[in-house]
Amino acid sequence: MLVQDFFSAAKEIRTPTPFQALPPQGSASTNFAIAAIFKTNILLRLANIILNLESGKK
């Protein structure tokens, strides 16, 4: 009897209705772009400092 109850209960289980997808957030891509620009700016400044130091040694 327990086995029949298990299988009959399994037939009644429904999969949940999925939620509607949320729209993309504009701030996420904006934050990524700002971070990429900031990192690029730092790298360019470091490259300029290194080049200035090397050209000053010669």
N, C-alpha and C. Protein backbone atom coordinates (compact mmCIF):
# COMPACT_ATOMS: atom_id res chain seq x y z
N MET A 1 0.82 -1.20 0.00
CA MET A 1 0.00 0.00 0.00
C MET A 1 0.86 1.26 0.00
N LEU A 2 1.97 1.23 0.72
CA LEU A 2 2.84 2.40 0.77
C LEU A 2 3.46 2.70 -0.59
N VAL A 3 3.81 1.66 -1.34
CA VAL A 3 4.40 1.86 -2.66
C VAL A 3 3.38 2.51 -3.59
N GLN A 4 2.14 2.06 -3.54
CA GLN A 4 1.09 2.65 -4.38
C GLN A 4 0.87 4.12 -4.01
N ASP A 5 0.89 4.43 -2.73
CA ASP A 5 0.73 5.81 -2.30
C ASP A 5 1.87 6.67 -2.83
N PHE A 6 3.09 6.12 -2.81
CA PHE A 6 4.24 6.88 -3.29
C PHE A 6 4.09 7.21 -4.77
N PHE A 7 3.76 6.21 -5.58
CA PHE A 7 3.66 6.43 -7.02
C PHE A 7 2.44 7.29 -7.38
N SER A 8 1.36 7.14 -6.68
CA SER A 8 0.19 7.96 -6.99
C SER A 8 0.45 9.41 -6.58
N ALA A 9 1.20 9.62 -5.51
CA ALA A 9 1.55 10.98 -5.11
C ALA A 9 2.50 11.60 -6.13
N ALA A 10 3.39 10.80 -6.68
CA ALA A 10 4.34 11.32 -7.66
C ALA A 10 3.62 11.77 -8.93
N LYS A 11 2.52 11.12 -9.28
CA LYS A 11 1.77 11.51 -10.47
C LYS A 11 1.09 12.87 -10.27
N GLU A 12 0.78 13.18 -9.04
CA GLU A 12 0.06 14.42 -8.76
C GLU A 12 0.99 15.63 -8.63
N ILE A 13 2.29 15.41 -8.50
CA ILE A 13 3.22 16.53 -8.34
C ILE A 13 3.34 17.27 -9.66
N ARG A 14 3.15 18.56 -9.60
CA ARG A 14 3.28 19.38 -10.80
C ARG A 14 4.57 20.18 -10.72
N THR A 15 5.12 20.43 -11.88
CA THR A 15 6.30 21.28 -11.89
C THR A 15 5.85 22.72 -11.69
N PRO A 16 6.63 23.51 -10.97
CA PRO A 16 6.22 24.89 -10.71
C PRO A 16 6.25 25.73 -11.99
N THR A 17 5.36 26.68 -12.04
CA THR A 17 5.34 27.60 -13.17
C THR A 17 6.55 28.52 -13.05
N PRO A 18 7.35 28.64 -14.10
CA PRO A 18 8.54 29.49 -13.99
C PRO A 18 8.16 30.96 -13.90
N PHE A 19 9.00 31.72 -13.21
CA PHE A 19 8.77 33.15 -13.11
C PHE A 19 9.14 33.82 -14.42
N GLN A 20 8.52 34.93 -14.70
CA GLN A 20 8.86 35.70 -15.89
C GLN A 20 10.25 36.29 -15.69
N ALA A 21 11.08 36.26 -16.74
CA ALA A 21 12.44 36.77 -16.64
C ALA A 21 12.43 38.27 -16.41
N LEU A 22 13.35 38.70 -15.55
CA LEU A 22 13.46 40.12 -15.26
C LEU A 22 14.20 40.82 -16.40
N PRO A 23 13.90 42.08 -16.65
CA PRO A 23 14.62 42.80 -17.69
C PRO A 23 16.07 43.03 -17.27
N PRO A 24 17.00 43.14 -18.21
CA PRO A 24 18.40 43.36 -17.84
C PRO A 24 18.57 44.70 -17.14
N GLN A 25 19.52 44.75 -16.24
CA GLN A 25 19.77 45.98 -15.50
C GLN A 25 20.86 46.78 -16.21
N GLY A 26 20.53 48.01 -16.52
CA GLY A 26 21.49 48.85 -17.21
C GLY A 26 22.69 49.19 -16.37
N SER A 27 22.52 49.24 -15.06
CA SER A 27 23.62 49.63 -14.19
C SER A 27 24.74 48.60 -14.18
N ALA A 28 24.42 47.33 -14.40
CA ALA A 28 25.45 46.30 -14.36
C ALA A 28 26.46 46.51 -15.48
N SER A 29 25.99 46.75 -16.70
CA SER A 29 26.92 46.95 -17.80
C SER A 29 27.63 48.29 -17.66
N THR A 30 26.94 49.29 -17.12
CA THR A 30 27.57 50.60 -16.92
C THR A 30 28.69 50.49 -15.90
N ASN A 31 28.44 49.79 -14.81
CA ASN A 31 29.47 49.61 -13.79
C ASN A 31 30.67 48.87 -14.35
N PHE A 32 30.43 47.88 -15.18
CA PHE A 32 31.52 47.12 -15.79
C PHE A 32 32.35 48.02 -16.69
N ALA A 33 31.67 48.85 -17.49
CA ALA A 33 32.38 49.74 -18.42
C ALA A 33 33.21 50.77 -17.65
N ILE A 34 32.65 51.32 -16.57
CA ILE A 34 33.40 52.30 -15.77
C ILE A 34 34.62 51.64 -15.13
N ALA A 35 34.47 50.43 -14.63
CA ALA A 35 35.60 49.72 -14.03
C ALA A 35 36.67 49.44 -15.08
N ALA A 36 36.27 49.06 -16.28
CA ALA A 36 37.24 48.78 -17.34
C ALA A 36 38.00 50.05 -17.73
N ILE A 37 37.29 51.16 -17.83
CA ILE A 37 37.95 52.44 -18.15
C ILE A 37 38.91 52.84 -17.03
N PHE A 38 38.49 52.67 -15.80
CA PHE A 38 39.33 53.02 -14.66
C PHE A 38 40.61 52.19 -14.65
N LYS A 39 40.49 50.88 -14.88
CA LYS A 39 41.67 50.00 -14.91
C LYS A 39 42.58 50.36 -16.06
N THR A 40 42.01 50.68 -17.21
CA THR A 40 42.81 51.07 -18.37
C THR A 40 43.56 52.36 -18.07
N ASN A 41 42.90 53.31 -17.44
CA ASN A 41 43.52 54.58 -17.09
C ASN A 41 44.70 54.35 -16.16
N ILE A 42 44.55 53.50 -15.17
CA ILE A 42 45.64 53.19 -14.24
C ILE A 42 46.81 52.56 -14.99
N LEU A 43 46.52 51.61 -15.88
CA LEU A 43 47.59 50.94 -16.63
C LEU A 43 48.32 51.93 -17.52
N LEU A 44 47.60 52.84 -18.16
CA LEU A 44 48.25 53.84 -19.01
C LEU A 44 49.13 54.78 -18.19
N ARG A 45 48.66 55.17 -17.02
CA ARG A 45 49.48 56.03 -16.16
C ARG A 45 50.75 55.31 -15.72
N LEU A 46 50.62 54.04 -15.35
CA LEU A 46 51.81 53.28 -14.96
C LEU A 46 52.78 53.13 -16.13
N ALA A 47 52.26 52.88 -17.31
CA ALA A 47 53.11 52.76 -18.49
C ALA A 47 53.84 54.07 -18.75
N ASN A 48 53.16 55.21 -18.62
CA ASN A 48 53.80 56.51 -18.81
C ASN A 48 54.89 56.76 -17.77
N ILE A 49 54.62 56.38 -16.54
CA ILE A 49 55.62 56.56 -15.47
C ILE A 49 56.85 55.71 -15.78
N ILE A 50 56.64 54.46 -16.18
CA ILE A 50 57.76 53.57 -16.49
C ILE A 50 58.55 54.10 -17.68
N LEU A 51 57.86 54.55 -18.72
CA LEU A 51 58.55 55.08 -19.89
C LEU A 51 59.33 56.35 -19.54
N ASN A 52 58.75 57.21 -18.71
CA ASN A 52 59.45 58.43 -18.30
C ASN A 52 60.67 58.11 -17.46
N LEU A 53 60.58 57.10 -16.61
CA LEU A 53 61.72 56.72 -15.79
C LEU A 53 62.83 56.14 -16.68
N GLU A 54 62.46 55.31 -17.64
CA GLU A 54 63.46 54.70 -18.52
C GLU A 54 64.10 55.75 -19.42
N SER A 55 63.33 56.69 -19.93
CA SER A 55 63.91 57.70 -20.81
C SER A 55 64.78 58.68 -20.02
N GLY A 56 64.51 58.86 -18.74
CA GLY A 56 65.32 59.72 -17.90
C GLY A 56 66.66 59.11 -17.56
N LYS A 57 66.72 57.78 -17.55
CA LYS A 57 67.97 57.08 -17.23
C LYS A 57 68.97 57.19 -18.37
N LYS A 58 68.49 57.30 -19.62
CA LYS A 58 69.39 57.27 -20.77
C LYS A 58 70.08 58.58 -21.00
